Amino acid sequence: MGFSKRRHELVLLNDQAGNHRQILREYTPELLEEILSVVTSSTVMAYSLYTFTYDKLPQNHAMMLTIPFVLYGIFRYLYLVHLKNEGGSPEEILLGDRPFLINVILWGISVVAILGFFRSA
């Protein structure tokens, strides 16, 4: 989210970005796109590995059923950042975008249900 926020500032302010925040002089939109790609891929892999390797989760790997919610959340966030230029305020995306908020709620419900029905041994 931090890199998305920096990207939003950089794109929004163009040549004045460095005056707004000095570190923005060190970034280019292309670099931030590459960083976002790596972070996004790493997040998906880390969460996926967590769902079936963490020993305190259900042994039947039911937590893997939550991976689609995480993927949708990441893809929805990237959509809002890139196509709707809403990356400046992550909390507004979380609270203001209905599909994103519904996804988070469904993810939470699925986690509670999985942990409630399939307790770890």
N, C-alpha and C. Protein backbone atom coordinates (compact mmCIF):
# COMPACT_ATOMS: atom_id res chain seq x y z
N MET A 1 0.82 -1.18 0.00
CA MET A 1 0.00 0.00 0.00
C MET A 1 0.87 1.26 0.00
N GLY A 2 1.98 1.17 0.68
CA GLY A 2 2.88 2.33 0.72
C GLY A 2 3.43 2.69 -0.65
N PHE A 3 3.83 1.68 -1.41
CA PHE A 3 4.34 1.95 -2.76
C PHE A 3 3.23 2.48 -3.67
N SER A 4 2.01 2.00 -3.48
CA SER A 4 0.89 2.51 -4.25
C SER A 4 0.63 3.97 -3.92
N LYS A 5 0.79 4.30 -2.65
CA LYS A 5 0.59 5.68 -2.23
C LYS A 5 1.66 6.58 -2.84
N ARG A 6 2.92 6.11 -2.82
CA ARG A 6 4.00 6.89 -3.45
C ARG A 6 3.76 7.04 -4.94
N ARG A 7 3.28 5.98 -5.59
CA ARG A 7 3.00 6.04 -7.02
C ARG A 7 1.92 7.07 -7.30
N HIS A 8 0.88 7.07 -6.47
CA HIS A 8 -0.21 8.02 -6.65
C HIS A 8 0.31 9.46 -6.54
N GLU A 9 1.14 9.72 -5.55
CA GLU A 9 1.71 11.05 -5.38
C GLU A 9 2.57 11.43 -6.58
N LEU A 10 3.39 10.49 -7.03
CA LEU A 10 4.29 10.75 -8.15
C LEU A 10 3.51 11.07 -9.43
N VAL A 11 2.49 10.29 -9.71
CA VAL A 11 1.69 10.49 -10.91
C VAL A 11 0.85 11.77 -10.80
N LEU A 12 0.28 12.02 -9.64
CA LEU A 12 -0.58 13.17 -9.43
C LEU A 12 0.19 14.49 -9.51
N LEU A 13 1.38 14.52 -8.91
CA LEU A 13 2.14 15.77 -8.81
C LEU A 13 3.14 15.99 -9.93
N ASN A 14 3.39 14.98 -10.73
CA ASN A 14 4.33 15.07 -11.85
C ASN A 14 5.67 15.70 -11.43
N ASP A 15 6.04 16.80 -12.06
CA ASP A 15 7.33 17.43 -11.82
C ASP A 15 7.46 18.03 -10.42
N GLN A 16 6.36 18.28 -9.76
CA GLN A 16 6.38 18.89 -8.43
C GLN A 16 6.45 17.86 -7.30
N ALA A 17 6.48 16.58 -7.65
CA ALA A 17 6.46 15.52 -6.65
C ALA A 17 7.64 15.61 -5.70
N GLY A 18 8.83 15.93 -6.22
CA GLY A 18 10.02 16.04 -5.38
C GLY A 18 9.93 17.17 -4.38
N ASN A 19 9.18 18.21 -4.71
CA ASN A 19 8.99 19.32 -3.77
C ASN A 19 8.02 18.94 -2.65
N HIS A 20 7.09 18.07 -2.97
CA HIS A 20 6.11 17.62 -1.98
C HIS A 20 6.73 16.65 -0.97
N ARG A 21 7.47 15.69 -1.49
CA ARG A 21 8.13 14.68 -0.65
C ARG A 21 9.46 14.37 -1.33
N GLN A 22 10.55 14.68 -0.66
CA GLN A 22 11.87 14.59 -1.27
C GLN A 22 12.21 13.21 -1.81
N ILE A 23 11.77 12.16 -1.15
CA ILE A 23 12.09 10.80 -1.59
C ILE A 23 11.50 10.51 -2.97
N LEU A 24 10.46 11.21 -3.36
CA LEU A 24 9.83 10.98 -4.66
C LEU A 24 10.78 11.29 -5.81
N ARG A 25 11.83 12.04 -5.55
CA ARG A 25 12.84 12.31 -6.59
C ARG A 25 13.60 11.04 -6.95
N GLU A 26 13.60 10.08 -6.06
CA GLU A 26 14.33 8.83 -6.25
C GLU A 26 13.53 7.78 -7.03
N TYR A 27 12.25 8.01 -7.18
CA TYR A 27 11.37 7.03 -7.83
C TYR A 27 10.98 7.46 -9.24
N THR A 28 10.65 6.46 -10.04
CA THR A 28 9.99 6.70 -11.33
C THR A 28 8.72 5.83 -11.32
N PRO A 29 7.73 6.20 -12.11
CA PRO A 29 6.53 5.34 -12.15
C PRO A 29 6.86 3.91 -12.56
N GLU A 30 7.82 3.75 -13.48
CA GLU A 30 8.20 2.40 -13.93
C GLU A 30 8.81 1.58 -12.80
N LEU A 31 9.67 2.21 -12.00
CA LEU A 31 10.28 1.51 -10.87
C LEU A 31 9.20 1.08 -9.88
N LEU A 32 8.29 1.98 -9.59
CA LEU A 32 7.22 1.64 -8.64
C LEU A 32 6.32 0.53 -9.17
N GLU A 33 6.11 0.49 -10.49
CA GLU A 33 5.33 -0.60 -11.09
C GLU A 33 6.04 -1.93 -10.88
N GLU A 34 7.35 -1.96 -11.08
CA GLU A 34 8.12 -3.18 -10.88
C GLU A 34 8.08 -3.61 -9.41
N ILE A 35 8.25 -2.65 -8.51
CA ILE A 35 8.20 -2.96 -7.08
C ILE A 35 6.84 -3.52 -6.70
N LEU A 36 5.78 -2.90 -7.19
CA LEU A 36 4.42 -3.39 -6.91
C LEU A 36 4.21 -4.80 -7.43
N SER A 37 4.77 -5.11 -8.59
CA SER A 37 4.65 -6.46 -9.14
C SER A 37 5.33 -7.49 -8.25
N VAL A 38 6.52 -7.16 -7.78
CA VAL A 38 7.25 -8.09 -6.92
C VAL A 38 6.55 -8.25 -5.57
N VAL A 39 6.12 -7.15 -5.00
CA VAL A 39 5.44 -7.21 -3.70
C VAL A 39 4.12 -7.97 -3.81
N THR A 40 3.38 -7.73 -4.87
CA THR A 40 2.11 -8.43 -5.07
C THR A 40 2.32 -9.93 -5.19
N SER A 41 3.27 -10.33 -6.02
CA SER A 41 3.56 -11.77 -6.19
C SER A 41 4.03 -12.39 -4.89
N SER A 42 4.90 -11.69 -4.18
CA SER A 42 5.43 -12.20 -2.91
C SER A 42 4.32 -12.34 -1.87
N THR A 43 3.40 -11.39 -1.85
CA THR A 43 2.29 -11.45 -0.89
C THR A 43 1.40 -12.65 -1.16
N VAL A 44 1.07 -12.87 -2.41
CA VAL A 44 0.23 -14.02 -2.77
C VAL A 44 0.93 -15.32 -2.39
N MET A 45 2.20 -15.43 -2.71
CA MET A 45 2.94 -16.65 -2.38
C MET A 45 3.05 -16.85 -0.87
N ALA A 46 3.38 -15.79 -0.15
CA ALA A 46 3.53 -15.90 1.30
C ALA A 46 2.21 -16.30 1.96
N TYR A 47 1.11 -15.68 1.56
CA TYR A 47 -0.18 -16.03 2.15
C TYR A 47 -0.57 -17.47 1.79
N SER A 48 -0.34 -17.83 0.55
CA SER A 48 -0.68 -19.19 0.12
C SER A 48 0.13 -20.23 0.89
N LEU A 49 1.42 -20.01 1.03
CA LEU A 49 2.25 -20.93 1.81
C LEU A 49 1.80 -20.98 3.27
N TYR A 50 1.46 -19.84 3.82
CA TYR A 50 0.99 -19.78 5.19
C TYR A 50 -0.26 -20.65 5.39
N THR A 51 -1.18 -20.62 4.42
CA THR A 51 -2.44 -21.33 4.60
C THR A 51 -2.28 -22.84 4.65
N PHE A 52 -1.20 -23.37 4.07
CA PHE A 52 -1.07 -24.83 4.16
C PHE A 52 0.21 -25.32 4.81
N THR A 53 1.00 -24.42 5.38
CA THR A 53 2.18 -24.89 6.10
C THR A 53 2.18 -24.53 7.58
N TYR A 54 1.40 -23.54 7.99
CA TYR A 54 1.41 -23.13 9.38
C TYR A 54 0.76 -24.22 10.23
N ASP A 55 1.48 -24.70 11.22
CA ASP A 55 1.03 -25.87 11.98
C ASP A 55 -0.15 -25.61 12.92
N LYS A 56 -0.49 -24.38 13.19
CA LYS A 56 -1.62 -24.08 14.08
C LYS A 56 -2.95 -23.97 13.32
N LEU A 57 -2.90 -24.09 12.01
CA LEU A 57 -4.13 -24.07 11.20
C LEU A 57 -4.66 -25.49 11.02
N PRO A 58 -5.91 -25.63 10.61
CA PRO A 58 -6.48 -26.97 10.41
C PRO A 58 -5.62 -27.83 9.48
N GLN A 59 -5.45 -29.08 9.87
CA GLN A 59 -4.59 -30.00 9.13
C GLN A 59 -5.14 -30.38 7.76
N ASN A 60 -6.43 -30.14 7.53
CA ASN A 60 -7.01 -30.48 6.23
C ASN A 60 -6.79 -29.37 5.20
N HIS A 61 -6.03 -28.35 5.57
CA HIS A 61 -5.69 -27.23 4.68
C HIS A 61 -6.90 -26.44 4.20
N ALA A 62 -7.94 -26.42 5.00
CA ALA A 62 -9.16 -25.68 4.64
C ALA A 62 -8.91 -24.18 4.49
N MET A 63 -7.87 -23.67 5.15
CA MET A 63 -7.57 -22.23 5.03
C MET A 63 -7.20 -21.86 3.60
N MET A 64 -6.82 -22.83 2.80
CA MET A 64 -6.53 -22.54 1.40
C MET A 64 -7.77 -22.00 0.68
N LEU A 65 -8.95 -22.27 1.22
CA LEU A 65 -10.18 -21.76 0.63
C LEU A 65 -10.26 -20.23 0.72
N THR A 66 -9.43 -19.62 1.54
CA THR A 66 -9.44 -18.16 1.68
C THR A 66 -8.53 -17.47 0.66
N ILE A 67 -7.72 -18.22 -0.05
CA ILE A 67 -6.79 -17.63 -1.03
C ILE A 67 -7.52 -16.82 -2.10
N PRO A 68 -8.64 -17.28 -2.66
CA PRO A 68 -9.33 -16.45 -3.66
C PRO A 68 -9.75 -15.08 -3.15
N PHE A 69 -10.11 -14.99 -1.87
CA PHE A 69 -10.47 -13.69 -1.31
C PHE A 69 -9.25 -12.75 -1.30
N VAL A 70 -8.10 -13.30 -0.95
CA VAL A 70 -6.88 -12.50 -0.93
C VAL A 70 -6.51 -12.07 -2.35
N LEU A 71 -6.60 -12.99 -3.29
CA LEU A 71 -6.32 -12.63 -4.69
C LEU A 71 -7.26 -11.54 -5.18
N TYR A 72 -8.55 -11.70 -4.92
CA TYR A 72 -9.51 -10.69 -5.35
C TYR A 72 -9.20 -9.34 -4.70
N GLY A 73 -8.89 -9.36 -3.41
CA GLY A 73 -8.59 -8.12 -2.71
C GLY A 73 -7.39 -7.40 -3.31
N ILE A 74 -6.34 -8.14 -3.60
CA ILE A 74 -5.15 -7.55 -4.22
C ILE A 74 -5.47 -7.03 -5.61
N PHE A 75 -6.16 -7.83 -6.41
CA PHE A 75 -6.49 -7.40 -7.77
C PHE A 75 -7.44 -6.20 -7.75
N ARG A 76 -8.39 -6.18 -6.85
CA ARG A 76 -9.32 -5.05 -6.75
C ARG A 76 -8.55 -3.79 -6.35
N TYR A 77 -7.64 -3.93 -5.39
CA TYR A 77 -6.84 -2.79 -4.95
C TYR A 77 -6.00 -2.25 -6.11
N LEU A 78 -5.35 -3.14 -6.84
CA LEU A 78 -4.55 -2.70 -7.98
C LEU A 78 -5.41 -2.04 -9.06
N TYR A 79 -6.59 -2.57 -9.28
CA TYR A 79 -7.53 -1.96 -10.22
C TYR A 79 -7.86 -0.53 -9.79
N LEU A 80 -8.17 -0.36 -8.53
CA LEU A 80 -8.53 0.97 -8.03
C LEU A 80 -7.34 1.94 -8.09
N VAL A 81 -6.15 1.42 -7.84
CA VAL A 81 -4.95 2.26 -7.88
C VAL A 81 -4.63 2.66 -9.31
N HIS A 82 -4.65 1.71 -10.23
CA HIS A 82 -4.20 1.97 -11.59
C HIS A 82 -5.26 2.59 -12.50
N LEU A 83 -6.48 2.13 -12.41
CA LEU A 83 -7.50 2.61 -13.33
C LEU A 83 -8.39 3.72 -12.76
N LYS A 84 -8.52 3.76 -11.46
CA LYS A 84 -9.36 4.78 -10.84
C LYS A 84 -8.54 5.85 -10.11
N ASN A 85 -7.21 5.68 -10.09
CA ASN A 85 -6.31 6.64 -9.44
C ASN A 85 -6.69 6.93 -8.00
N GLU A 86 -6.99 5.88 -7.25
CA GLU A 86 -7.42 6.02 -5.86
C GLU A 86 -6.35 5.56 -4.87
N GLY A 87 -5.11 5.51 -5.28
CA GLY A 87 -4.06 4.98 -4.41
C GLY A 87 -3.59 5.91 -3.32
N GLY A 88 -4.06 7.14 -3.29
CA GLY A 88 -3.58 8.11 -2.32
C GLY A 88 -4.02 7.86 -0.90
N SER A 89 -5.13 7.16 -0.72
CA SER A 89 -5.67 6.95 0.62
C SER A 89 -6.17 5.51 0.76
N PRO A 90 -5.30 4.59 1.20
CA PRO A 90 -5.71 3.18 1.32
C PRO A 90 -6.90 2.96 2.24
N GLU A 91 -7.01 3.77 3.30
CA GLU A 91 -8.14 3.59 4.22
C GLU A 91 -9.46 3.96 3.56
N GLU A 92 -9.44 4.91 2.62
CA GLU A 92 -10.67 5.24 1.89
C GLU A 92 -11.06 4.11 0.95
N ILE A 93 -10.06 3.44 0.38
CA ILE A 93 -10.37 2.30 -0.48
C ILE A 93 -11.02 1.21 0.36
N LEU A 94 -10.44 0.92 1.52
CA LEU A 94 -10.96 -0.14 2.37
C LEU A 94 -12.39 0.16 2.81
N LEU A 95 -12.64 1.38 3.21
CA LEU A 95 -13.96 1.72 3.74
C LEU A 95 -14.93 2.25 2.69
N GLY A 96 -14.41 2.74 1.56
CA GLY A 96 -15.27 3.39 0.59
C GLY A 96 -15.63 2.57 -0.63
N ASP A 97 -14.89 1.52 -0.90
CA ASP A 97 -15.18 0.70 -2.08
C ASP A 97 -15.99 -0.51 -1.65
N ARG A 98 -17.24 -0.53 -2.06
CA ARG A 98 -18.16 -1.58 -1.62
C ARG A 98 -17.68 -3.00 -1.97
N PRO A 99 -17.26 -3.28 -3.22
CA PRO A 99 -16.79 -4.64 -3.52
C PRO A 99 -15.57 -5.04 -2.67
N PHE A 100 -14.66 -4.10 -2.44
CA PHE A 100 -13.49 -4.40 -1.62
C PHE A 100 -13.91 -4.71 -0.19
N LEU A 101 -14.79 -3.90 0.36
CA LEU A 101 -15.26 -4.09 1.73
C LEU A 101 -16.02 -5.41 1.88
N ILE A 102 -16.87 -5.73 0.92
CA ILE A 102 -17.60 -7.00 0.95
C ILE A 102 -16.62 -8.17 0.91
N ASN A 103 -15.58 -8.05 0.09
CA ASN A 103 -14.56 -9.11 0.02
C ASN A 103 -13.87 -9.30 1.36
N VAL A 104 -13.52 -8.21 2.02
CA VAL A 104 -12.85 -8.31 3.33
C VAL A 104 -13.78 -8.98 4.35
N ILE A 105 -15.04 -8.59 4.33
CA ILE A 105 -16.01 -9.20 5.26
C ILE A 105 -16.17 -10.69 4.97
N LEU A 106 -16.29 -11.06 3.70
CA LEU A 106 -16.42 -12.48 3.34
C LEU A 106 -15.17 -13.26 3.72
N TRP A 107 -13.99 -12.64 3.53
CA TRP A 107 -12.74 -13.30 3.94
C TRP A 107 -12.77 -13.55 5.45
N GLY A 108 -13.17 -12.54 6.22
CA GLY A 108 -13.23 -12.69 7.68
C GLY A 108 -14.20 -13.77 8.11
N ILE A 109 -15.37 -13.79 7.49
CA ILE A 109 -16.37 -14.82 7.80
C ILE A 109 -15.83 -16.20 7.48
N SER A 110 -15.17 -16.33 6.34
CA SER A 110 -14.64 -17.64 5.95
C SER A 110 -13.53 -18.09 6.90
N VAL A 111 -12.70 -17.17 7.34
CA VAL A 111 -11.64 -17.53 8.28
C VAL A 111 -12.24 -18.00 9.61
N VAL A 112 -13.20 -17.24 10.12
CA VAL A 112 -13.85 -17.61 11.39
C VAL A 112 -14.54 -18.96 11.24
N ALA A 113 -15.24 -19.17 10.13
CA ALA A 113 -15.94 -20.44 9.92
C ALA A 113 -14.97 -21.61 9.83
N ILE A 114 -13.90 -21.44 9.08
CA ILE A 114 -12.91 -22.52 8.93
C ILE A 114 -12.26 -22.83 10.27
N LEU A 115 -11.85 -21.80 10.98
CA LEU A 115 -11.20 -22.04 12.27
C LEU A 115 -12.18 -22.58 13.30
N GLY A 116 -13.45 -22.22 13.16
CA GLY A 116 -14.45 -22.72 14.10
C GLY A 116 -14.83 -24.17 13.85
N PHE A 117 -14.92 -24.56 12.59
CA PHE A 117 -15.34 -25.93 12.25
C PHE A 117 -14.19 -26.92 12.22
N PHE A 118 -13.03 -26.47 11.83
CA PHE A 118 -11.88 -27.37 11.70
C PHE A 118 -10.76 -26.94 12.63
N ARG A 119 -10.95 -27.13 13.88
CA ARG A 119 -9.92 -26.75 14.86
C ARG A 119 -8.66 -27.56 14.65
N SER A 120 -7.53 -26.89 14.89
CA SER A 120 -6.23 -27.55 14.77
C SER A 120 -6.08 -28.60 15.86
N ALA A 121 -5.41 -29.66 15.51
CA ALA A 121 -5.22 -30.76 16.47
C ALA A 121 -4.26 -30.38 17.56
